[in-house]
Amino acid sequence: MQIEAIEDAEQFDARVLSPRGVLVVVDFWGPGCPNCEVFARDAPALLAELEGEALRVVTVDAYAHPALAQRFGLYGIPTFLLFRDGKLLGKMSQYRGRAFWLGVIRDQLAPRSSAPP
C-alpha cells in the first residue's frame, strides 16, 4: 500500500470522495511540522500492519493547498479525515502515536452490523 499525494481539488474529489467500499484516510500535513514528521516516519510500518485492508491513504500539504484545508475547517496539522463512500466519518486531530492511530483506523475498518444487537 502506498500513500498518494493530492495536488488539487479535482484530484481530491476523485481519490477521496469517489471510491466506494474503501476507507480513505486523508493526512493534512505541512512542512516544518514536527508531529507530521513523526507520522511520516511511522507511516510505512502502520501501512504494513494494514496491508490487505480496503484502505487508501492520501496526503495533502495544507500550506500548499489552503483551500482544501479550509473546505474542511481545519485549524491545525496534522489532521486525519476519514471517508467512506464519499462521506466524512470522522477526524483525528494530531498524531497520538501508532497504537492510537491504528486503533481508530481498525475501528473504521471493522465490519458494521446492519441489524441492532
PDB file of N, CA and C in Angstrom:
ATOM      1  N   MET A   1       0.852  -1.171   0.000  1.00  0.00           N
ATOM      2  CA  MET A   1       0.000   0.000   0.000  1.00  0.00           C
ATOM      3  C   MET A   1       0.896   1.232   0.000  1.00  0.00           C
ATOM      4  N   GLN A   2       0.559   2.188  -0.842  1.00  0.00           N
ATOM      5  CA  GLN A   2       1.332   3.424  -0.920  1.00  0.00           C
ATOM      6  C   GLN A   2       0.473   4.607  -0.518  1.00  0.00           C
ATOM      7  N   ILE A   3       1.150   5.658  -0.121  1.00  0.00           N
ATOM      8  CA  ILE A   3       0.466   6.908   0.177  1.00  0.00           C
ATOM      9  C   ILE A   3       0.478   7.751  -1.093  1.00  0.00           C
ATOM     10  N   GLU A   4      -0.670   8.298  -1.426  1.00  0.00           N
ATOM     11  CA  GLU A   4      -0.807   9.109  -2.629  1.00  0.00           C
ATOM     12  C   GLU A   4      -0.878  10.586  -2.245  1.00  0.00           C
ATOM     13  N   ALA A   5      -0.160  11.434  -2.966  1.00  0.00           N
ATOM     14  CA  ALA A   5      -0.215  12.877  -2.724  1.00  0.00           C
ATOM     15  C   ALA A   5      -1.308  13.492  -3.587  1.00  0.00           C
ATOM     16  N   ILE A   6      -2.074  14.378  -3.000  1.00  0.00           N
ATOM     17  CA  ILE A   6      -3.140  15.098  -3.702  1.00  0.00           C
ATOM     18  C   ILE A   6      -2.602  16.463  -4.108  1.00  0.00           C
ATOM     19  N   GLU A   7      -2.796  16.817  -5.364  1.00  0.00           N
ATOM     20  CA  GLU A   7      -2.257  18.072  -5.893  1.00  0.00           C
ATOM     21  C   GLU A   7      -3.298  19.173  -6.075  1.00  0.00           C
ATOM     22  N   ASP A   8      -4.582  18.815  -6.163  1.00  0.00           N
ATOM     23  CA  ASP A   8      -5.603  19.852  -6.361  1.00  0.00           C
ATOM     24  C   ASP A   8      -6.982  19.320  -5.955  1.00  0.00           C
ATOM     25  N   ALA A   9      -7.979  20.198  -5.975  1.00  0.00           N
ATOM     26  CA  ALA A   9      -9.323  19.837  -5.520  1.00  0.00           C
ATOM     27  C   ALA A   9      -9.954  18.761  -6.399  1.00  0.00           C
ATOM     28  N   GLU A  10      -9.704  18.802  -7.689  1.00  0.00           N
ATOM     29  CA  GLU A  10     -10.250  17.771  -8.589  1.00  0.00           C
ATOM     30  C   GLU A  10      -9.700  16.401  -8.229  1.00  0.00           C
ATOM     31  N   GLN A  11      -8.397  16.335  -8.019  1.00  0.00           N
ATOM     32  CA  GLN A  11      -7.761  15.084  -7.623  1.00  0.00           C
ATOM     33  C   GLN A  11      -8.308  14.612  -6.278  1.00  0.00           C
ATOM     34  N   PHE A  12      -8.508  15.550  -5.364  1.00  0.00           N
ATOM     35  CA  PHE A  12      -9.051  15.211  -4.049  1.00  0.00           C
ATOM     36  C   PHE A  12     -10.402  14.530  -4.214  1.00  0.00           C
ATOM     37  N   ASP A  13     -11.297  15.154  -4.968  1.00  0.00           N
ATOM     38  CA  ASP A  13     -12.631  14.588  -5.138  1.00  0.00           C
ATOM     39  C   ASP A  13     -12.575  13.208  -5.787  1.00  0.00           C
ATOM     40  N   ALA A  14     -11.702  13.033  -6.779  1.00  0.00           N
ATOM     41  CA  ALA A  14     -11.601  11.746  -7.477  1.00  0.00           C
ATOM     42  C   ALA A  14     -11.017  10.656  -6.582  1.00  0.00           C
ATOM     43  N   ARG A  15      -9.998  10.974  -5.801  1.00  0.00           N
ATOM     44  CA  ARG A  15      -9.316   9.952  -4.999  1.00  0.00           C
ATOM     45  C   ARG A  15      -9.900   9.739  -3.615  1.00  0.00           C
ATOM     46  N   VAL A  16     -10.657  10.746  -3.126  1.00  0.00           N
ATOM     47  CA  VAL A  16     -11.182  10.649  -1.758  1.00  0.00           C
ATOM     48  C   VAL A  16     -12.697  10.433  -1.750  1.00  0.00           C
ATOM     49  N   LEU A  17     -13.431  11.197  -2.532  1.00  0.00           N
ATOM     50  CA  LEU A  17     -14.885  11.151  -2.464  1.00  0.00           C
ATOM     51  C   LEU A  17     -15.519  10.139  -3.411  1.00  0.00           C
ATOM     52  N   SER A  18     -14.859   9.800  -4.492  1.00  0.00           N
ATOM     53  CA  SER A  18     -15.433   8.887  -5.484  1.00  0.00           C
ATOM     54  C   SER A  18     -15.337   7.403  -5.138  1.00  0.00           C
ATOM     55  N   PRO A  19     -14.262   6.914  -4.533  1.00  0.00           N
ATOM     56  CA  PRO A  19     -14.152   5.472  -4.284  1.00  0.00           C
ATOM     57  C   PRO A  19     -15.289   4.944  -3.407  1.00  0.00           C
ATOM     58  N   ARG A  20     -15.699   3.718  -3.691  1.00  0.00           N
ATOM     59  CA  ARG A  20     -16.750   3.057  -2.916  1.00  0.00           C
ATOM     60  C   ARG A  20     -16.177   1.798  -2.276  1.00  0.00           C
ATOM     61  N   GLY A  21     -16.637   1.508  -1.067  1.00  0.00           N
ATOM     62  CA  GLY A  21     -16.248   0.289  -0.383  1.00  0.00           C
ATOM     63  C   GLY A  21     -14.837   0.290   0.166  1.00  0.00           C
ATOM     64  N   VAL A  22     -14.246   1.453   0.296  1.00  0.00           N
ATOM     65  CA  VAL A  22     -12.883   1.555   0.815  1.00  0.00           C
ATOM     66  C   VAL A  22     -12.833   2.709   1.816  1.00  0.00           C
ATOM     67  N   LEU A  23     -12.063   2.531   2.881  1.00  0.00           N
ATOM     68  CA  LEU A  23     -11.836   3.606   3.836  1.00  0.00           C
ATOM     69  C   LEU A  23     -10.708   4.472   3.291  1.00  0.00           C
ATOM     70  N   VAL A  24     -10.956   5.757   3.179  1.00  0.00           N
ATOM     71  CA  VAL A  24      -9.937   6.690   2.695  1.00  0.00           C
ATOM     72  C   VAL A  24      -9.528   7.581   3.856  1.00  0.00           C
ATOM     73  N   VAL A  25      -8.237   7.564   4.161  1.00  0.00           N
ATOM     74  CA  VAL A  25      -7.678   8.398   5.220  1.00  0.00           C
ATOM     75  C   VAL A  25      -6.909   9.520   4.549  1.00  0.00           C
ATOM     76  N   VAL A  26      -7.276  10.760   4.870  1.00  0.00           N
ATOM     77  CA  VAL A  26      -6.598  11.927   4.317  1.00  0.00           C
ATOM     78  C   VAL A  26      -5.728  12.531   5.409  1.00  0.00           C
ATOM     79  N   ASP A  27      -4.442  12.614   5.126  1.00  0.00           N
ATOM     80  CA  ASP A  27      -3.464  13.185   6.049  1.00  0.00           C
ATOM     81  C   ASP A  27      -3.160  14.615   5.599  1.00  0.00           C
ATOM     82  N   PHE A  28      -3.716  15.602   6.306  1.00  0.00           N
ATOM     83  CA  PHE A  28      -3.368  17.000   6.059  1.00  0.00           C
ATOM     84  C   PHE A  28      -2.119  17.294   6.887  1.00  0.00           C
ATOM     85  N   TRP A  29      -1.054  17.683   6.241  1.00  0.00           N
ATOM     86  CA  TRP A  29       0.241  17.888   6.874  1.00  0.00           C
ATOM     87  C   TRP A  29       0.840  19.199   6.361  1.00  0.00           C
ATOM     88  N   GLY A  30       2.025  19.525   6.832  1.00  0.00           N
ATOM     89  CA  GLY A  30       2.743  20.700   6.349  1.00  0.00           C
ATOM     90  C   GLY A  30       4.225  20.576   6.642  1.00  0.00           C
ATOM     91  N   PRO A  31       5.047  21.182   5.807  1.00  0.00           N
ATOM     92  CA  PRO A  31       6.491  21.151   6.055  1.00  0.00           C
ATOM     93  C   PRO A  31       6.829  21.894   7.347  1.00  0.00           C
ATOM     94  N   GLY A  32       7.802  21.372   8.058  1.00  0.00           N
ATOM     95  CA  GLY A  32       8.228  22.002   9.307  1.00  0.00           C
ATOM     96  C   GLY A  32       7.355  21.651  10.491  1.00  0.00           C
ATOM     97  N   CYS A  33       6.412  20.749  10.325  1.00  0.00           N
ATOM     98  CA  CYS A  33       5.515  20.311  11.402  1.00  0.00           C
ATOM     99  C   CYS A  33       6.124  19.073  12.047  1.00  0.00           C
ATOM    100  N   PRO A  34       6.622  19.176  13.280  1.00  0.00           N
ATOM    101  CA  PRO A  34       7.286  18.031  13.907  1.00  0.00           C
ATOM    102  C   PRO A  34       6.388  16.797  14.043  1.00  0.00           C
ATOM    103  N   ASN A  35       5.138  16.992  14.425  1.00  0.00           N
ATOM    104  CA  ASN A  35       4.222  15.866  14.585  1.00  0.00           C
ATOM    105  C   ASN A  35       3.931  15.208  13.232  1.00  0.00           C
ATOM    106  N   CYS A  36       3.903  16.013  12.171  1.00  0.00           N
ATOM    107  CA  CYS A  36       3.717  15.478  10.816  1.00  0.00           C
ATOM    108  C   CYS A  36       4.904  14.593  10.437  1.00  0.00           C
ATOM    109  N   GLU A  37       6.095  15.026  10.829  1.00  0.00           N
ATOM    110  CA  GLU A  37       7.304  14.259  10.522  1.00  0.00           C
ATOM    111  C   GLU A  37       7.319  12.927  11.273  1.00  0.00           C
ATOM    112  N   VAL A  38       6.818  12.920  12.502  1.00  0.00           N
ATOM    113  CA  VAL A  38       6.741  11.671  13.271  1.00  0.00           C
ATOM    114  C   VAL A  38       5.797  10.702  12.556  1.00  0.00           C
ATOM    115  N   PHE A  39       4.636  11.193  12.129  1.00  0.00           N
ATOM    116  CA  PHE A  39       3.710  10.318  11.400  1.00  0.00           C
ATOM    117  C   PHE A  39       4.354   9.802  10.116  1.00  0.00           C
ATOM    118  N   ALA A  40       5.014  10.678   9.374  1.00  0.00           N
ATOM    119  CA  ALA A  40       5.644  10.266   8.116  1.00  0.00           C
ATOM    120  C   ALA A  40       6.665   9.145   8.359  1.00  0.00           C
ATOM    121  N   ARG A  41       7.405   9.224   9.451  1.00  0.00           N
ATOM    122  CA  ARG A  41       8.365   8.155   9.785  1.00  0.00           C
ATOM    123  C   ARG A  41       7.654   6.855  10.141  1.00  0.00           C
ATOM    124  N   ASP A  42       6.522   6.957  10.838  1.00  0.00           N
ATOM    125  CA  ASP A  42       5.774   5.771  11.265  1.00  0.00           C
ATOM    126  C   ASP A  42       4.915   5.172  10.148  1.00  0.00           C
ATOM    127  N   ALA A  43       4.572   5.962   9.149  1.00  0.00           N
ATOM    128  CA  ALA A  43       3.611   5.540   8.126  1.00  0.00           C
ATOM    129  C   ALA A  43       3.949   4.204   7.463  1.00  0.00           C
ATOM    130  N   PRO A  44       5.189   3.947   7.034  1.00  0.00           N
ATOM    131  CA  PRO A  44       5.449   2.653   6.392  1.00  0.00           C
ATOM    132  C   PRO A  44       5.108   1.452   7.287  1.00  0.00           C
ATOM    133  N   ALA A  45       5.436   1.520   8.564  1.00  0.00           N
ATOM    134  CA  ALA A  45       5.124   0.421   9.484  1.00  0.00           C
ATOM    135  C   ALA A  45       3.615   0.318   9.715  1.00  0.00           C
ATOM    136  N   LEU A  46       2.936   1.462   9.820  1.00  0.00           N
ATOM    137  CA  LEU A  46       1.488   1.457  10.006  1.00  0.00           C
ATOM    138  C   LEU A  46       0.799   0.816   8.816  1.00  0.00           C
ATOM    139  N   LEU A  47       1.206   1.205   7.616  1.00  0.00           N
ATOM    140  CA  LEU A  47       0.582   0.673   6.406  1.00  0.00           C
ATOM    141  C   LEU A  47       0.890  -0.809   6.237  1.00  0.00           C
ATOM    142  N   ALA A  48       2.080  -1.238   6.643  1.00  0.00           N
ATOM    143  CA  ALA A  48       2.425  -2.659   6.564  1.00  0.00           C
ATOM    144  C   ALA A  48       1.486  -3.479   7.453  1.00  0.00           C
ATOM    145  N   GLU A  49       1.127  -2.928   8.615  1.00  0.00           N
ATOM    146  CA  GLU A  49       0.204  -3.633   9.510  1.00  0.00           C
ATOM    147  C   GLU A  49      -1.203  -3.718   8.938  1.00  0.00           C
ATOM    148  N   LEU A  50      -1.540  -2.808   8.033  1.00  0.00           N
ATOM    149  CA  LEU A  50      -2.882  -2.770   7.461  1.00  0.00           C
ATOM    150  C   LEU A  50      -2.934  -3.331   6.041  1.00  0.00           C
ATOM    151  N   GLU A  51      -1.839  -3.939   5.606  1.00  0.00           N
ATOM    152  CA  GLU A  51      -1.765  -4.497   4.258  1.00  0.00           C
ATOM    153  C   GLU A  51      -2.931  -5.452   4.022  1.00  0.00           C
ATOM    154  N   GLY A  52      -3.553  -5.335   2.861  1.00  0.00           N
ATOM    155  CA  GLY A  52      -4.668  -6.202   2.505  1.00  0.00           C
ATOM    156  C   GLY A  52      -6.032  -5.653   2.900  1.00  0.00           C
ATOM    157  N   GLU A  53      -6.065  -4.593   3.678  1.00  0.00           N
ATOM    158  CA  GLU A  53      -7.336  -3.980   4.078  1.00  0.00           C
ATOM    159  C   GLU A  53      -7.850  -3.075   2.955  1.00  0.00           C
ATOM    160  N   ALA A  54      -9.144  -2.836   2.945  1.00  0.00           N
ATOM    161  CA  ALA A  54      -9.766  -1.930   1.975  1.00  0.00           C
ATOM    162  C   ALA A  54      -9.511  -0.502   2.451  1.00  0.00           C
ATOM    163  N   LEU A  55      -8.307  -0.028   2.184  1.00  0.00           N
ATOM    164  CA  LEU A  55      -7.844   1.246   2.730  1.00  0.00           C
ATOM    165  C   LEU A  55      -7.017   1.988   1.700  1.00  0.00           C
ATOM    166  N   ARG A  56      -7.205   3.287   1.632  1.00  0.00           N
ATOM    167  CA  ARG A  56      -6.389   4.178   0.809  1.00  0.00           C
ATOM    168  C   ARG A  56      -5.961   5.334   1.705  1.00  0.00           C
ATOM    169  N   VAL A  57      -4.692   5.711   1.634  1.00  0.00           N
ATOM    170  CA  VAL A  57      -4.183   6.854   2.390  1.00  0.00           C
ATOM    171  C   VAL A  57      -3.672   7.881   1.395  1.00  0.00           C
ATOM    172  N   VAL A  58      -4.151   9.105   1.545  1.00  0.00           N
ATOM    173  CA  VAL A  58      -3.705  10.199   0.686  1.00  0.00           C
ATOM    174  C   VAL A  58      -3.224  11.346   1.567  1.00  0.00           C
ATOM    175  N   THR A  59      -2.310  12.140   1.033  1.00  0.00           N
ATOM    176  CA  THR A  59      -1.787  13.280   1.780  1.00  0.00           C
ATOM    177  C   THR A  59      -2.090  14.574   1.046  1.00  0.00           C
ATOM    178  N   VAL A  60      -2.281  15.617   1.834  1.00  0.00           N
ATOM    179  CA  VAL A  60      -2.486  16.958   1.304  1.00  0.00           C
ATOM    180  C   VAL A  60      -1.602  17.907   2.100  1.00  0.00           C
ATOM    181  N   ASP A  61      -0.737  18.619   1.413  1.00  0.00           N
ATOM    182  CA  ASP A  61       0.057  19.667   2.047  1.00  0.00           C
ATOM    183  C   ASP A  61      -0.886  20.843   2.295  1.00  0.00           C
ATOM    184  N   ALA A  62      -1.260  21.036   3.551  1.00  0.00           N
ATOM    185  CA  ALA A  62      -2.248  22.062   3.904  1.00  0.00           C
ATOM    186  C   ALA A  62      -1.763  23.472   3.578  1.00  0.00           C
ATOM    187  N   TYR A  63      -0.435  23.682   3.566  1.00  0.00           N
ATOM    188  CA  TYR A  63       0.096  25.008   3.239  1.00  0.00           C
ATOM    189  C   TYR A  63       0.085  25.257   1.742  1.00  0.00           C
ATOM    190  N   ALA A  64       0.330  24.223   0.961  1.00  0.00           N
ATOM    191  CA  ALA A  64       0.323  24.370  -0.496  1.00  0.00           C
ATOM    192  C   ALA A  64      -1.102  24.407  -1.045  1.00  0.00           C
ATOM    193  N   HIS A  65      -2.054  23.830  -0.290  1.00  0.00           N
ATOM    194  CA  HIS A  65      -3.451  23.758  -0.744  1.00  0.00           C
ATOM    195  C   HIS A  65      -4.391  24.231   0.359  1.00  0.00           C
ATOM    196  N   PRO A  66      -4.294  25.521   0.733  1.00  0.00           N
ATOM    197  CA  PRO A  66      -5.101  26.017   1.851  1.00  0.00           C
ATOM    198  C   PRO A  66      -6.604  25.938   1.606  1.00  0.00           C
ATOM    199  N   ALA A  67      -7.035  26.004   0.358  1.00  0.00           N
ATOM    200  CA  ALA A  67      -8.476  25.923   0.076  1.00  0.00           C
ATOM    201  C   ALA A  67      -9.029  24.559   0.482  1.00  0.00           C
ATOM    202  N   LEU A  68      -8.252  23.503   0.292  1.00  0.00           N
ATOM    203  CA  LEU A  68      -8.708  22.177   0.722  1.00  0.00           C
ATOM    204  C   LEU A  68      -8.784  22.101   2.241  1.00  0.00           C
ATOM    205  N   ALA A  69      -7.808  22.663   2.931  1.00  0.00           N
ATOM    206  CA  ALA A  69      -7.843  22.669   4.396  1.00  0.00           C
ATOM    207  C   ALA A  69      -9.035  23.482   4.899  1.00  0.00           C
ATOM    208  N   GLN A  70      -9.276  24.621   4.283  1.00  0.00           N
ATOM    209  CA  GLN A  70     -10.409  25.462   4.684  1.00  0.00           C
ATOM    210  C   GLN A  70     -11.741  24.787   4.395  1.00  0.00           C
ATOM    211  N   ARG A  71     -11.795  24.050   3.315  1.00  0.00           N
ATOM    212  CA  ARG A  71     -13.032  23.347   2.925  1.00  0.00           C
ATOM    213  C   ARG A  71     -13.524  22.451   4.065  1.00  0.00           C
ATOM    214  N   PHE A  72     -12.595  21.904   4.847  1.00  0.00           N
ATOM    215  CA  PHE A  72     -12.966  21.011   5.933  1.00  0.00           C
ATOM    216  C   PHE A  72     -12.777  21.646   7.310  1.00  0.00           C
ATOM    217  N   GLY A  73     -12.573  22.955   7.350  1.00  0.00           N
ATOM    218  CA  GLY A  73     -12.496  23.682   8.608  1.00  0.00           C
ATOM    219  C   GLY A  73     -11.344  23.270   9.502  1.00  0.00           C
ATOM    220  N   LEU A  74     -10.192  22.990   8.909  1.00  0.00           N
ATOM    221  CA  LEU A  74      -9.042  22.559   9.696  1.00  0.00           C
ATOM    222  C   LEU A  74      -8.321  23.750  10.299  1.00  0.00           C
ATOM    223  N   TYR A  75      -7.886  23.574  11.540  1.00  0.00           N
ATOM    224  CA  TYR A  75      -7.162  24.632  12.238  1.00  0.00           C
ATOM    225  C   TYR A  75      -5.755  24.234  12.625  1.00  0.00           C
ATOM    226  N   GLY A  76      -5.430  22.965  12.542  1.00  0.00           N
ATOM    227  CA  GLY A  76      -4.104  22.511  12.914  1.00  0.00           C
ATOM    228  C   GLY A  76      -3.714  21.282  12.114  1.00  0.00           C
ATOM    229  N   ILE A  77      -2.424  21.010  12.124  1.00  0.00           N
ATOM    230  CA  ILE A  77      -1.918  19.830  11.431  1.00  0.00           C
ATOM    231  C   ILE A  77      -0.998  19.071  12.371  1.00  0.00           C
ATOM    232  N   PRO A  78      -0.850  17.795  12.192  1.00  0.00           N
ATOM    233  CA  PRO A  78      -1.582  17.001  11.217  1.00  0.00           C
ATOM    234  C   PRO A  78      -3.030  16.781  11.660  1.00  0.00           C
ATOM    235  N   THR A  79      -3.880  16.668  10.676  1.00  0.00           N
ATOM    236  CA  THR A  79      -5.267  16.282  10.891  1.00  0.00           C
ATOM    237  C   THR A  79      -5.558  15.168   9.898  1.00  0.00           C
ATOM    238  N   PHE A  80      -6.213  14.131  10.385  1.00  0.00           N
ATOM    239  CA  PHE A  80      -6.569  12.988   9.556  1.00  0.00           C
ATOM    240  C   PHE A  80      -8.087  12.947   9.426  1.00  0.00           C
ATOM    241  N   LEU A  81      -8.576  12.995   8.189  1.00  0.00           N
ATOM    242  CA  LEU A  81     -10.004  12.870   7.925  1.00  0.00           C
ATOM    243  C   LEU A  81     -10.264  11.475   7.389  1.00  0.00           C
ATOM    244  N   LEU A  82     -11.351  10.859   7.831  1.00  0.00           N
ATOM    245  CA  LEU A  82     -11.698   9.509   7.408  1.00  0.00           C
ATOM    246  C   LEU A  82     -12.987   9.545   6.604  1.00  0.00           C
ATOM    247  N   PHE A  83     -12.918   8.985   5.391  1.00  0.00           N
ATOM    248  CA  PHE A  83     -14.056   8.975   4.477  1.00  0.00           C
ATOM    249  C   PHE A  83     -14.376   7.554   4.049  1.00  0.00           C
ATOM    250  N   ARG A  84     -15.647   7.297   3.814  1.00  0.00           N
ATOM    251  CA  ARG A  84     -16.085   6.074   3.155  1.00  0.00           C
ATOM    252  C   ARG A  84     -17.281   6.425   2.285  1.00  0.00           C
ATOM    253  N   ASP A  85     -17.240   5.950   1.054  1.00  0.00           N
ATOM    254  CA  ASP A  85     -18.327   6.160   0.100  1.00  0.00           C
ATOM    255  C   ASP A  85     -18.696   7.635  -0.037  1.00  0.00           C
ATOM    256  N   GLY A  86     -17.666   8.492  -0.010  1.00  0.00           N
ATOM    257  CA  GLY A  86     -17.874   9.920  -0.210  1.00  0.00           C
ATOM    258  C   GLY A  86     -18.354  10.674   1.013  1.00  0.00           C
ATOM    259  N   LYS A  87     -18.492   9.994   2.142  1.00  0.00           N
ATOM    260  CA  LYS A  87     -18.990  10.638   3.362  1.00  0.00           C
ATOM    261  C   LYS A  87     -17.877  10.743   4.394  1.00  0.00           C
ATOM    262  N   LEU A  88     -17.813  11.884   5.049  1.00  0.00           N
ATOM    263  CA  LEU A  88     -16.856  12.096   6.127  1.00  0.00           C
ATOM    264  C   LEU A  88     -17.331  11.341   7.364  1.00  0.00           C
ATOM    265  N   LEU A  89     -16.503  10.405   7.841  1.00  0.00           N
ATOM    266  CA  LEU A  89     -16.854   9.599   9.017  1.00  0.00           C
ATOM    267  C   LEU A  89     -16.372  10.234  10.307  1.00  0.00           C
ATOM    268  N   GLY A  90     -15.223  10.906  10.230  1.00  0.00           N
ATOM    269  CA  GLY A  90     -14.671  11.485  11.437  1.00  0.00           C
ATOM    270  C   GLY A  90     -13.322  12.112  11.189  1.00  0.00           C
ATOM    271  N   LYS A  91     -12.725  12.601  12.280  1.00  0.00           N
ATOM    272  CA  LYS A  91     -11.470  13.329  12.196  1.00  0.00           C
ATOM    273  C   LYS A  91     -10.614  13.001  13.398  1.00  0.00           C
ATOM    274  N   MET A  92      -9.310  12.865  13.152  1.00  0.00           N
ATOM    275  CA  MET A  92      -8.326  12.746  14.230  1.00  0.00           C
ATOM    276  C   MET A  92      -7.457  13.991  14.161  1.00  0.00           C
ATOM    277  N   SER A  93      -7.430  14.734  15.234  1.00  0.00           N
ATOM    278  CA  SER A  93      -6.544  15.889  15.302  1.00  0.00           C
ATOM    279  C   SER A  93      -5.257  15.461  15.973  1.00  0.00           C
ATOM    280  N   GLN A  94      -4.157  15.785  15.351  1.00  0.00           N
ATOM    281  CA  GLN A  94      -2.822  15.415  15.820  1.00  0.00           C
ATOM    282  C   GLN A  94      -2.560  13.924  15.598  1.00  0.00           C
ATOM    283  N   TYR A  95      -1.311  13.573  15.662  1.00  0.00           N
ATOM    284  CA  TYR A  95      -0.889  12.172  15.599  1.00  0.00           C
ATOM    285  C   TYR A  95      -0.511  11.786  17.019  1.00  0.00           C
ATOM    286  N   ARG A  96      -1.258  10.862  17.597  1.00  0.00           N
ATOM    287  CA  ARG A  96      -1.078  10.489  19.004  1.00  0.00           C
ATOM    288  C   ARG A  96      -0.370   9.151  19.162  1.00  0.00           C
ATOM    289  N   GLY A  97       0.372   8.757  18.155  1.00  0.00           N
ATOM    290  CA  GLY A  97       1.139   7.528  18.230  1.00  0.00           C
ATOM    291  C   GLY A  97       0.522   6.389  17.452  1.00  0.00           C
ATOM    292  N   ARG A  98       1.353   5.371  17.262  1.00  0.00           N
ATOM    293  CA  ARG A  98       0.966   4.225  16.430  1.00  0.00           C
ATOM    294  C   ARG A  98      -0.281   3.510  16.943  1.00  0.00           C
ATOM    295  N   ALA A  99      -0.311   3.180  18.236  1.00  0.00           N
ATOM    296  CA  ALA A  99      -1.418   2.393  18.782  1.00  0.00           C
ATOM    297  C   ALA A  99      -2.748   3.124  18.629  1.00  0.00           C
ATOM    298  N   PHE A 100      -2.763   4.411  18.938  1.00  0.00           N
ATOM    299  CA  PHE A 100      -3.999   5.175  18.835  1.00  0.00           C
ATOM    300  C   PHE A 100      -4.459   5.258  17.374  1.00  0.00           C
ATOM    301  N   TRP A 101      -3.538   5.612  16.467  1.00  0.00           N
ATOM    302  CA  TRP A 101      -3.867   5.760  15.047  1.00  0.00           C
ATOM    303  C   TRP A 101      -4.404   4.445  14.485  1.00  0.00           C
ATOM    304  N   LEU A 102      -3.695   3.346  14.752  1.00  0.00           N
ATOM    305  CA  LEU A 102      -4.147   2.040  14.260  1.00  0.00           C
ATOM    306  C   LEU A 102      -5.492   1.655  14.851  1.00  0.00           C
ATOM    307  N   GLY A 103      -5.714   1.967  16.116  1.00  0.00           N
ATOM    308  CA  GLY A 103      -6.985   1.656  16.759  1.00  0.00           C
ATOM    309  C   GLY A 103      -8.154   2.350  16.086  1.00  0.00           C
ATOM    310  N   VAL A 104      -7.993   3.625  15.800  1.00  0.00           N
ATOM    311  CA  VAL A 104      -9.067   4.376  15.136  1.00  0.00           C
ATOM    312  C   VAL A 104      -9.315   3.812  13.738  1.00  0.00           C
ATOM    313  N   ILE A 105      -8.251   3.552  13.002  1.00  0.00           N
ATOM    314  CA  ILE A 105      -8.412   3.036  11.642  1.00  0.00           C
ATOM    315  C   ILE A 105      -9.059   1.651  11.669  1.00  0.00           C
ATOM    316  N   ARG A 106      -8.599   0.790  12.543  1.00  0.00           N
ATOM    317  CA  ARG A 106      -9.185  -0.560  12.620  1.00  0.00           C
ATOM    318  C   ARG A 106     -10.650  -0.515  13.037  1.00  0.00           C
ATOM    319  N   ASP A 107     -11.010   0.416  13.920  1.00  0.00           N
ATOM    320  CA  ASP A 107     -12.419   0.570  14.293  1.00  0.00           C
ATOM    321  C   ASP A 107     -13.273   0.905  13.072  1.00  0.00           C
ATOM    322  N   GLN A 108     -12.740   1.734  12.186  1.00  0.00           N
ATOM    323  CA  GLN A 108     -13.494   2.114  10.992  1.00  0.00           C
ATOM    324  C   GLN A 108     -13.482   1.019   9.926  1.00  0.00           C
ATOM    325  N   LEU A 109     -12.475   0.152   9.960  1.00  0.00           N
ATOM    326  CA  LEU A 109     -12.413  -0.962   9.010  1.00  0.00           C
ATOM    327  C   LEU A 109     -13.267  -2.133   9.443  1.00  0.00           C
ATOM    328  N   ALA A 110     -13.599  -2.200  10.747  1.00  0.00           N
ATOM    329  CA  ALA A 110     -14.373  -3.328  11.271  1.00  0.00           C
ATOM    330  C   ALA A 110     -15.721  -3.400  10.577  1.00  0.00           C
ATOM    331  N   PRO A 111     -16.175  -4.612  10.295  1.00  0.00           N
ATOM    332  CA  PRO A 111     -17.491  -4.763   9.645  1.00  0.00           C
ATOM    333  C   PRO A 111     -18.591  -4.198  10.549  1.00  0.00           C
ATOM    334  N   ARG A 112     -19.510  -3.551   9.915  1.00  0.00           N
ATOM    335  CA  ARG A 112     -20.643  -2.970  10.636  1.00  0.00           C
ATOM    336  C   ARG A 112     -21.854  -3.890  10.474  1.00  0.00           C
ATOM    337  N   SER A 113     -22.527  -4.179  11.570  1.00  0.00           N
ATOM    338  CA  SER A 113     -23.733  -4.988  11.508  1.00  0.00           C
ATOM    339  C   SER A 113     -24.891  -4.085  11.123  1.00  0.00           C
ATOM    340  N   SER A 114     -25.734  -4.550  10.218  1.00  0.00           N
ATOM    341  CA  SER A 114     -26.886  -3.736   9.803  1.00  0.00           C
ATOM    342  C   SER A 114     -28.070  -3.934  10.749  1.00  0.00           C
ATOM    343  N   ALA A 115     -28.038  -4.988  11.544  1.00  0.00           N
ATOM    344  CA  ALA A 115     -29.136  -5.231  12.483  1.00  0.00           C
ATOM    345  C   ALA A 115     -28.726  -4.788  13.884  1.00  0.00           C
ATOM    346  N   PRO A 116     -29.661  -4.176  14.626  1.00  0.00           N
ATOM    347  CA  PRO A 116     -29.336  -3.782  16.006  1.00  0.00           C
ATOM    348  C   PRO A 116     -29.114  -5.020  16.871  1.00  0.00           C
ATOM    349  N   PRO A 117     -28.256  -4.891  17.902  1.00  0.00           N
ATOM    350  CA  PRO A 117     -27.947  -6.044  18.769  1.00  0.00           C
ATOM    351  C   PRO A 117     -29.128  -6.519  19.575  1.00  0.00           C
TER     352      PRO A 117
END
